[in-house]
Amino acid sequence: MTIFDTMILKKVSNEDVDFLYKMLEERDETVHVTHKEMPSYEMHKKFVLETNPYDGWYIILLESKKVGNIWIEDNNDIGWFIKNEFQNLGIPIKAFELLKKLHKRDFYIGKNNPKNIRACTLLEKMGFTIKSTSDNNKMITYELIEK
């Protein structure tokens, strides 16, 4: 049995607002693709509790400890963020396997800033291939087609 055998995806709820905001504070803005600037806590809270932005949004639990979050949008885009102290352990790979069981799709899309080399490498390890690069070279779109 490995530590990854204890991994659980828990739907995001109101009790996760603070955790998710702290994770936003950890993000490196130079490799970000979605946030241009840090939202206020109140804007973030409203986003989490009122907008229902994703088809599925989960807290990644490892041995009952919150280590990150992963989501999938209606258009099959996926994303994740892992707390700094738990990065470089391969957590998104296992979390994505669990996400695929909950949200079966014919294909999945991953979008990434090319400066975020670790995430680009991780998408490729997960089986994604480059589909396109934006004209301004600030985003690479990856695709994984399920067989």
C-alpha atoms as a PDB file:
ATOM      1  CA  MET A   1       0.000   0.000   0.000  1.00  0.00           C
ATOM      2  CA  THR A   2       1.291   3.450  -0.926  1.00  0.00           C
ATOM      3  CA  ILE A   3       0.358   6.873   0.378  1.00  0.00           C
ATOM      4  CA  PHE A   4      -1.547   7.448  -2.885  1.00  0.00           C
ATOM      5  CA  ASP A   5      -3.921   4.611  -1.963  1.00  0.00           C
ATOM      6  CA  THR A   6      -5.330   6.941   0.715  1.00  0.00           C
ATOM      7  CA  MET A   7      -6.113   9.713  -1.798  1.00  0.00           C
ATOM      8  CA  ILE A   8      -9.709  10.911  -1.891  1.00  0.00           C
ATOM      9  CA  LEU A   9     -11.390  13.647  -3.916  1.00  0.00           C
ATOM     10  CA  LYS A  10     -13.908  15.584  -1.818  1.00  0.00           C
ATOM     11  CA  LYS A  11     -16.327  18.036  -3.442  1.00  0.00           C
ATOM     12  CA  VAL A  12     -15.468  21.642  -2.649  1.00  0.00           C
ATOM     13  CA  SER A  13     -17.760  23.095   0.027  1.00  0.00           C
ATOM     14  CA  ASN A  14     -18.049  26.264   2.095  1.00  0.00           C
ATOM     15  CA  GLU A  15     -15.565  24.823   4.609  1.00  0.00           C
ATOM     16  CA  ASP A  16     -12.860  24.933   1.893  1.00  0.00           C
ATOM     17  CA  VAL A  17     -12.983  28.673   1.116  1.00  0.00           C
ATOM     18  CA  ASP A  18     -10.053  29.585   3.390  1.00  0.00           C
ATOM     19  CA  PHE A  19      -7.911  26.672   2.197  1.00  0.00           C
ATOM     20  CA  LEU A  20      -8.514  27.550  -1.455  1.00  0.00           C
ATOM     21  CA  TYR A  21      -7.688  31.211  -0.842  1.00  0.00           C
ATOM     22  CA  LYS A  22      -4.430  30.293   0.865  1.00  0.00           C
ATOM     23  CA  MET A  23      -3.597  28.157  -2.155  1.00  0.00           C
ATOM     24  CA  LEU A  24      -4.220  31.116  -4.452  1.00  0.00           C
ATOM     25  CA  GLU A  25      -1.780  33.119  -2.342  1.00  0.00           C
ATOM     26  CA  GLU A  26       0.885  30.441  -2.960  1.00  0.00           C
ATOM     27  CA  ARG A  27       0.601  30.579  -6.753  1.00  0.00           C
ATOM     28  CA  ASP A  28       3.410  31.946  -8.868  1.00  0.00           C
ATOM     29  CA  GLU A  29       1.824  34.726 -10.926  1.00  0.00           C
ATOM     30  CA  THR A  30       4.490  34.447 -13.639  1.00  0.00           C
ATOM     31  CA  VAL A  31       3.188  31.037 -14.730  1.00  0.00           C
ATOM     32  CA  HIS A  32      -0.520  31.640 -14.163  1.00  0.00           C
ATOM     33  CA  VAL A  33      -3.022  31.297 -17.010  1.00  0.00           C
ATOM     34  CA  THR A  34      -6.324  32.152 -15.332  1.00  0.00           C
ATOM     35  CA  HIS A  35      -5.765  34.913 -12.770  1.00  0.00           C
ATOM     36  CA  LYS A  36      -4.329  38.216 -13.887  1.00  0.00           C
ATOM     37  CA  GLU A  37      -4.360  39.517 -10.333  1.00  0.00           C
ATOM     38  CA  MET A  38      -5.128  38.156  -6.890  1.00  0.00           C
ATOM     39  CA  PRO A  39      -8.853  38.473  -6.067  1.00  0.00           C
ATOM     40  CA  SER A  40      -9.983  39.890  -2.753  1.00  0.00           C
ATOM     41  CA  TYR A  41     -11.090  37.354  -0.169  1.00  0.00           C
ATOM     42  CA  GLU A  42     -14.724  38.427  -0.646  1.00  0.00           C
ATOM     43  CA  MET A  43     -14.508  38.016  -4.445  1.00  0.00           C
ATOM     44  CA  HIS A  44     -12.945  34.587  -3.949  1.00  0.00           C
ATOM     45  CA  LYS A  45     -15.597  33.527  -1.433  1.00  0.00           C
ATOM     46  CA  LYS A  46     -18.361  34.564  -3.835  1.00  0.00           C
ATOM     47  CA  PHE A  47     -16.650  32.658  -6.673  1.00  0.00           C
ATOM     48  CA  VAL A  48     -16.428  29.474  -4.598  1.00  0.00           C
ATOM     49  CA  LEU A  49     -19.877  29.602  -3.019  1.00  0.00           C
ATOM     50  CA  GLU A  50     -22.081  31.235  -5.660  1.00  0.00           C
ATOM     51  CA  THR A  51     -20.787  30.821  -9.193  1.00  0.00           C
ATOM     52  CA  ASN A  52     -20.505  27.027  -9.484  1.00  0.00           C
ATOM     53  CA  PRO A  53     -17.818  27.480 -12.169  1.00  0.00           C
ATOM     54  CA  TYR A  54     -16.885  23.859 -12.798  1.00  0.00           C
ATOM     55  CA  ASP A  55     -18.563  20.595 -13.710  1.00  0.00           C
ATOM     56  CA  GLY A  56     -16.579  19.099 -10.837  1.00  0.00           C
ATOM     57  CA  TRP A  57     -14.295  20.762  -8.276  1.00  0.00           C
ATOM     58  CA  TYR A  58     -12.580  18.727  -5.592  1.00  0.00           C
ATOM     59  CA  ILE A  59     -10.212  19.045  -2.685  1.00  0.00           C
ATOM     60  CA  ILE A  60      -7.464  16.442  -2.911  1.00  0.00           C
ATOM     61  CA  LEU A  61      -7.114  14.659   0.429  1.00  0.00           C
ATOM     62  CA  LEU A  62      -4.072  12.549   1.201  1.00  0.00           C
ATOM     63  CA  GLU A  63      -4.248  10.704   4.512  1.00  0.00           C
ATOM     64  CA  SER A  64      -7.151  13.073   5.341  1.00  0.00           C
ATOM     65  CA  LYS A  65      -4.916  16.138   4.808  1.00  0.00           C
ATOM     66  CA  LYS A  66      -5.853  18.802   2.249  1.00  0.00           C
ATOM     67  CA  VAL A  67      -2.979  18.859  -0.250  1.00  0.00           C
ATOM     68  CA  GLY A  68      -4.538  20.552  -3.278  1.00  0.00           C
ATOM     69  CA  ASN A  69      -7.524  20.859  -5.568  1.00  0.00           C
ATOM     70  CA  ILE A  70      -8.473  19.631  -9.014  1.00  0.00           C
ATOM     71  CA  TRP A  71     -11.327  20.600 -11.307  1.00  0.00           C
ATOM     72  CA  ILE A  72     -12.965  19.898 -14.636  1.00  0.00           C
ATOM     73  CA  GLU A  73     -15.016  22.356 -16.661  1.00  0.00           C
ATOM     74  CA  ASP A  74     -18.017  21.653 -18.886  1.00  0.00           C
ATOM     75  CA  ASN A  75     -15.758  21.988 -21.948  1.00  0.00           C
ATOM     76  CA  ASN A  76     -13.449  19.214 -20.596  1.00  0.00           C
ATOM     77  CA  ASP A  77     -10.691  21.596 -19.449  1.00  0.00           C
ATOM     78  CA  ILE A  78      -8.970  20.309 -16.344  1.00  0.00           C
ATOM     79  CA  GLY A  79      -6.789  22.106 -13.848  1.00  0.00           C
ATOM     80  CA  TRP A  80      -5.174  21.546 -10.499  1.00  0.00           C
ATOM     81  CA  PHE A  81      -3.047  23.187  -7.897  1.00  0.00           C
ATOM     82  CA  ILE A  82      -1.022  21.419  -5.241  1.00  0.00           C
ATOM     83  CA  LYS A  83       0.192  23.106  -2.054  1.00  0.00           C
ATOM     84  CA  ASN A  84       3.863  24.022  -2.348  1.00  0.00           C
ATOM     85  CA  GLU A  85       4.924  21.590   0.371  1.00  0.00           C
ATOM     86  CA  PHE A  86       3.366  18.663  -1.543  1.00  0.00           C
ATOM     87  CA  GLN A  87       4.597  19.484  -5.038  1.00  0.00           C
ATOM     88  CA  ASN A  88       6.912  17.196  -7.026  1.00  0.00           C
ATOM     89  CA  LEU A  89       5.328  14.024  -5.617  1.00  0.00           C
ATOM     90  CA  GLY A  90       3.111  13.173  -8.601  1.00  0.00           C
ATOM     91  CA  ILE A  91      -0.126  13.937  -6.746  1.00  0.00           C
ATOM     92  CA  PRO A  92      -1.928  15.338  -9.836  1.00  0.00           C
ATOM     93  CA  ILE A  93      -1.372  12.091 -11.728  1.00  0.00           C
ATOM     94  CA  LYS A  94      -3.331  10.030  -9.190  1.00  0.00           C
ATOM     95  CA  ALA A  95      -5.877  12.813  -8.649  1.00  0.00           C
ATOM     96  CA  PHE A  96      -6.531  12.947 -12.405  1.00  0.00           C
ATOM     97  CA  GLU A  97      -7.083   9.172 -12.463  1.00  0.00           C
ATOM     98  CA  LEU A  98      -9.741   9.622  -9.763  1.00  0.00           C
ATOM     99  CA  LEU A  99     -11.257  12.616 -11.568  1.00  0.00           C
ATOM    100  CA  LYS A 100     -11.589  10.599 -14.794  1.00  0.00           C
ATOM    101  CA  LYS A 101     -13.589   7.943 -12.915  1.00  0.00           C
ATOM    102  CA  LEU A 102     -16.016  10.615 -11.701  1.00  0.00           C
ATOM    103  CA  HIS A 103     -16.191  12.519 -15.009  1.00  0.00           C
ATOM    104  CA  LYS A 104     -15.825  10.149 -17.950  1.00  0.00           C
ATOM    105  CA  ARG A 105     -15.170  12.052 -21.171  1.00  0.00           C
ATOM    106  CA  ASP A 106     -14.032  11.208 -24.682  1.00  0.00           C
ATOM    107  CA  PHE A 107     -11.233  13.731 -24.284  1.00  0.00           C
ATOM    108  CA  TYR A 108      -9.698  16.089 -21.735  1.00  0.00           C
ATOM    109  CA  ILE A 109      -8.000  19.456 -22.262  1.00  0.00           C
ATOM    110  CA  GLY A 110      -5.163  20.949 -20.236  1.00  0.00           C
ATOM    111  CA  LYS A 111      -4.024  24.552 -20.689  1.00  0.00           C
ATOM    112  CA  ASN A 112      -0.738  25.768 -19.400  1.00  0.00           C
ATOM    113  CA  ASN A 113       1.686  28.666 -19.449  1.00  0.00           C
ATOM    114  CA  PRO A 114       4.862  27.502 -21.259  1.00  0.00           C
ATOM    115  CA  LYS A 115       6.916  29.035 -18.418  1.00  0.00           C
ATOM    116  CA  ASN A 116       5.432  26.418 -16.084  1.00  0.00           C
ATOM    117  CA  ILE A 117       7.751  23.662 -17.260  1.00  0.00           C
ATOM    118  CA  ARG A 118       6.888  21.301 -14.384  1.00  0.00           C
ATOM    119  CA  ALA A 119       3.182  21.372 -15.241  1.00  0.00           C
ATOM    120  CA  CYS A 120       3.886  20.943 -18.971  1.00  0.00           C
ATOM    121  CA  THR A 121       6.027  17.897 -18.173  1.00  0.00           C
ATOM    122  CA  LEU A 122       3.336  16.538 -15.857  1.00  0.00           C
ATOM    123  CA  LEU A 123       0.634  16.848 -18.534  1.00  0.00           C
ATOM    124  CA  GLU A 124       2.848  14.887 -20.915  1.00  0.00           C
ATOM    125  CA  LYS A 125       3.437  12.201 -18.249  1.00  0.00           C
ATOM    126  CA  MET A 126      -0.352  11.971 -17.901  1.00  0.00           C
ATOM    127  CA  GLY A 127      -0.613  11.186 -21.620  1.00  0.00           C
ATOM    128  CA  PHE A 128      -1.562  14.626 -22.966  1.00  0.00           C
ATOM    129  CA  THR A 129      -0.114  15.870 -26.252  1.00  0.00           C
ATOM    130  CA  ILE A 130       0.206  19.440 -27.504  1.00  0.00           C
ATOM    131  CA  LYS A 131      -2.788  20.500 -29.557  1.00  0.00           C
ATOM    132  CA  SER A 132      -1.944  24.195 -30.075  1.00  0.00           C
ATOM    133  CA  THR A 133       0.015  27.194 -28.845  1.00  0.00           C
ATOM    134  CA  SER A 134      -1.501  30.665 -28.559  1.00  0.00           C
ATOM    135  CA  ASP A 135      -0.326  33.388 -30.922  1.00  0.00           C
ATOM    136  CA  ASN A 136       1.343  35.285 -28.088  1.00  0.00           C
ATOM    137  CA  ASN A 137       3.007  32.098 -26.742  1.00  0.00           C
ATOM    138  CA  LYS A 138       1.431  32.569 -23.303  1.00  0.00           C
ATOM    139  CA  MET A 139      -0.604  29.376 -23.353  1.00  0.00           C
ATOM    140  CA  ILE A 140      -0.179  25.839 -24.626  1.00  0.00           C
ATOM    141  CA  THR A 141      -3.275  23.681 -25.059  1.00  0.00           C
ATOM    142  CA  TYR A 142      -2.851  19.951 -24.479  1.00  0.00           C
ATOM    143  CA  GLU A 143      -5.325  17.195 -25.286  1.00  0.00           C
ATOM    144  CA  LEU A 144      -5.813  13.651 -24.038  1.00  0.00           C
ATOM    145  CA  ILE A 145      -8.120  11.468 -26.131  1.00  0.00           C
ATOM    146  CA  GLU A 146      -9.587   8.510 -24.269  1.00  0.00           C
ATOM    147  CA  LYS A 147      -9.787   5.275 -26.152  1.00  0.00           C
END
